[in-house]
C-alpha atoms as a PDB file:
ATOM      1  CA  UNK A   1       7.850   5.153 -33.927  1.00  0.00           C
ATOM      2  CA  UNK A   2       6.451   3.571 -30.797  1.00  0.00           C
ATOM      3  CA  UNK A   3       2.871   4.345 -29.758  1.00  0.00           C
ATOM      4  CA  UNK A   4       1.929   3.635 -26.163  1.00  0.00           C
ATOM      5  CA  UNK A   5      -1.632   3.832 -24.909  1.00  0.00           C
ATOM      6  CA  UNK A   6      -2.564   3.872 -21.261  1.00  0.00           C
ATOM      7  CA  UNK A   7      -5.704   4.859 -19.450  1.00  0.00           C
ATOM      8  CA  UNK A   8      -6.465   8.493 -20.292  1.00  0.00           C
ATOM      9  CA  UNK A   9      -6.990  10.839 -17.345  1.00  0.00           C
ATOM     10  CA  UNK A  10     -10.237  12.187 -18.808  1.00  0.00           C
ATOM     11  CA  UNK A  11     -11.794   8.727 -19.154  1.00  0.00           C
ATOM     12  CA  UNK A  12     -14.789   7.732 -17.059  1.00  0.00           C
ATOM     13  CA  UNK A  13     -12.718   5.492 -14.835  1.00  0.00           C
ATOM     14  CA  UNK A  14     -12.290   5.869 -11.105  1.00  0.00           C
ATOM     15  CA  UNK A  15      -9.438   8.110  -9.960  1.00  0.00           C
ATOM     16  CA  UNK A  16      -8.014   5.298  -7.808  1.00  0.00           C
ATOM     17  CA  UNK A  17      -7.480   3.143 -10.919  1.00  0.00           C
ATOM     18  CA  UNK A  18      -5.618   5.969 -12.632  1.00  0.00           C
ATOM     19  CA  UNK A  19      -3.387   6.506  -9.607  1.00  0.00           C
ATOM     20  CA  UNK A  20      -2.954   2.745  -9.373  1.00  0.00           C
ATOM     21  CA  UNK A  21      -1.662   2.779 -12.952  1.00  0.00           C
ATOM     22  CA  UNK A  22       1.046   5.282 -11.969  1.00  0.00           C
ATOM     23  CA  UNK A  23       2.091   3.109  -9.013  1.00  0.00           C
ATOM     24  CA  UNK A  24       2.037  -0.061 -11.099  1.00  0.00           C
ATOM     25  CA  UNK A  25       4.211   1.426 -13.836  1.00  0.00           C
ATOM     26  CA  UNK A  26       6.657   2.815 -11.253  1.00  0.00           C
ATOM     27  CA  UNK A  27       6.879  -0.605  -9.631  1.00  0.00           C
ATOM     28  CA  UNK A  28       7.530  -2.157 -13.020  1.00  0.00           C
ATOM     29  CA  UNK A  29      10.344   0.321 -13.701  1.00  0.00           C
ATOM     30  CA  UNK A  30      11.797  -0.338 -10.244  1.00  0.00           C
ATOM     31  CA  UNK A  31      11.827  -4.107 -10.748  1.00  0.00           C
ATOM     32  CA  UNK A  32      13.230  -4.074 -14.286  1.00  0.00           C
ATOM     33  CA  UNK A  33      15.902  -1.350 -14.008  1.00  0.00           C
ATOM     34  CA  UNK A  34      18.837  -2.118 -11.742  1.00  0.00           C
ATOM     35  CA  UNK A  35      20.830   1.056 -12.369  1.00  0.00           C
ATOM     36  CA  UNK A  36      19.729   4.409 -10.965  1.00  0.00           C
ATOM     37  CA  UNK A  37      20.412   6.103 -14.316  1.00  0.00           C
ATOM     38  CA  UNK A  38      18.123   3.643 -16.117  1.00  0.00           C
ATOM     39  CA  UNK A  39      15.352   4.202 -13.559  1.00  0.00           C
ATOM     40  CA  UNK A  40      15.615   7.972 -13.912  1.00  0.00           C
ATOM     41  CA  UNK A  41      15.429   7.701 -17.701  1.00  0.00           C
ATOM     42  CA  UNK A  42      12.402   5.401 -17.564  1.00  0.00           C
ATOM     43  CA  UNK A  43      10.626   7.617 -15.034  1.00  0.00           C
ATOM     44  CA  UNK A  44      11.241  10.593 -17.321  1.00  0.00           C
ATOM     45  CA  UNK A  45       9.694   8.616 -20.206  1.00  0.00           C
ATOM     46  CA  UNK A  46       6.765   7.615 -17.984  1.00  0.00           C
ATOM     47  CA  UNK A  47       6.097  11.253 -17.069  1.00  0.00           C
ATOM     48  CA  UNK A  48       6.098  12.155 -20.764  1.00  0.00           C
ATOM     49  CA  UNK A  49       3.688   9.335 -21.632  1.00  0.00           C
ATOM     50  CA  UNK A  50       1.334  10.226 -18.771  1.00  0.00           C
ATOM     51  CA  UNK A  51       1.413  13.899 -19.810  1.00  0.00           C
ATOM     52  CA  UNK A  52       0.348  12.823 -23.325  1.00  0.00           C
ATOM     53  CA  UNK A  53      -2.545  10.966 -21.665  1.00  0.00           C
ATOM     54  CA  UNK A  54      -3.572  14.191 -19.881  1.00  0.00           C
ATOM     55  CA  UNK A  55      -2.495  13.215 -16.357  1.00  0.00           C
ATOM     56  CA  UNK A  56      -1.978  16.282 -14.130  1.00  0.00           C
ATOM     57  CA  UNK A  57       1.753  16.932 -13.795  1.00  0.00           C
ATOM     58  CA  UNK A  58       1.608  17.736 -10.066  1.00  0.00           C
ATOM     59  CA  UNK A  59      -0.286  14.532  -9.308  1.00  0.00           C
ATOM     60  CA  UNK A  60       2.136  12.409 -11.333  1.00  0.00           C
ATOM     61  CA  UNK A  61       5.146  14.007  -9.641  1.00  0.00           C
ATOM     62  CA  UNK A  62       3.603  13.552  -6.178  1.00  0.00           C
ATOM     63  CA  UNK A  63       2.755   9.875  -6.753  1.00  0.00           C
ATOM     64  CA  UNK A  64       6.183   9.097  -8.199  1.00  0.00           C
ATOM     65  CA  UNK A  65       7.900  10.906  -5.309  1.00  0.00           C
ATOM     66  CA  UNK A  66       5.822   8.940  -2.763  1.00  0.00           C
ATOM     67  CA  UNK A  67       6.683   5.696  -4.528  1.00  0.00           C
ATOM     68  CA  UNK A  68      10.419   6.439  -4.567  1.00  0.00           C
ATOM     69  CA  UNK A  69      10.440   7.530  -0.903  1.00  0.00           C
ATOM     70  CA  UNK A  70       8.683   4.306   0.083  1.00  0.00           C
ATOM     71  CA  UNK A  71      11.181   2.206  -1.872  1.00  0.00           C
ATOM     72  CA  UNK A  72      14.223   3.997  -0.478  1.00  0.00           C
ATOM     73  CA  UNK A  73      13.093   4.077   3.151  1.00  0.00           C
ATOM     74  CA  UNK A  74      14.431   1.302   5.362  1.00  0.00           C
ATOM     75  CA  UNK A  75      12.030  -1.524   5.982  1.00  0.00           C
ATOM     76  CA  UNK A  76      10.450  -1.260   9.402  1.00  0.00           C
ATOM     77  CA  UNK A  77      10.407  -4.697  10.950  1.00  0.00           C
ATOM     78  CA  UNK A  78       8.611  -5.132  14.237  1.00  0.00           C
ATOM     79  CA  UNK A  79      10.926  -5.846  17.132  1.00  0.00           C
ATOM     80  CA  UNK A  80      10.198  -9.164  18.790  1.00  0.00           C
ATOM     81  CA  UNK A  81       8.932  -8.911  22.329  1.00  0.00           C
ATOM     82  CA  UNK A  82       9.862 -11.264  25.092  1.00  0.00           C
ATOM     83  CA  UNK A  83       7.079 -13.453  26.408  1.00  0.00           C
ATOM     84  CA  UNK A  84       5.497 -11.953  29.485  1.00  0.00           C
ATOM     85  CA  UNK A  85       4.278 -13.704  32.567  1.00  0.00           C
ATOM     86  CA  UNK A  86       0.775 -15.004  32.037  1.00  0.00           C
ATOM     87  CA  UNK A  87      -1.790 -13.019  33.943  1.00  0.00           C
ATOM     88  CA  UNK A  88      -3.437 -14.928  36.770  1.00  0.00           C
ATOM     89  CA  UNK A  89      -6.647 -16.605  35.765  1.00  0.00           C
ATOM     90  CA  UNK A  90      -9.775 -16.406  37.877  1.00  0.00           C
ATOM     91  CA  UNK A  91     -11.573 -19.724  38.061  1.00  0.00           C
ATOM     92  CA  UNK A  92     -15.224 -19.557  38.949  1.00  0.00           C
ATOM     93  CA  UNK A  93     -16.927 -22.682  40.312  1.00  0.00           C
ATOM     94  CA  UNK A  94     -19.870 -23.966  38.350  1.00  0.00           C
ATOM     95  CA  UNK A  95     -23.220 -23.138  39.897  1.00  0.00           C
ATOM     96  CA  UNK A  96     -25.498 -26.059  40.486  1.00  0.00           C
ATOM     97  CA  UNK A  97     -29.059 -26.060  39.271  1.00  0.00           C
ATOM     98  CA  UNK A  98     -30.388 -25.569  42.795  1.00  0.00           C
ATOM     99  CA  UNK A  99     -28.178 -22.504  43.362  1.00  0.00           C
ATOM    100  CA  UNK A 100     -29.251 -21.057  40.030  1.00  0.00           C
ATOM    101  CA  UNK A 101     -32.903 -21.563  40.913  1.00  0.00           C
ATOM    102  CA  UNK A 102     -32.447 -19.718  44.217  1.00  0.00           C
ATOM    103  CA  UNK A 103     -30.875 -16.741  42.477  1.00  0.00           C
ATOM    104  CA  UNK A 104     -33.644 -16.477  39.900  1.00  0.00           C
ATOM    105  CA  UNK A 105     -36.474 -16.427  42.430  1.00  0.00           C
END
């Protein structure tokens, strides 16, 4: 019999750490399991383990669904832009000390 302990939902730990645990375990499953059938089996086991640790079922399902959608969506790579013409620069002449003094007075 295998006993697995993870962070319990009712513990005094921040909610973001608990959700991070779900994402981390999903990522681990995704990296280790090559076959879709194996992933589905492991995700089913993960849901069971998280339910035993009192994680809300709707939250677990939502986080796992978001993770899977993100992994299956095509990677958005930015399209390279062509270099544009440089905008004209305005060059201001340096003011001399005498000119500066006249402006201040």
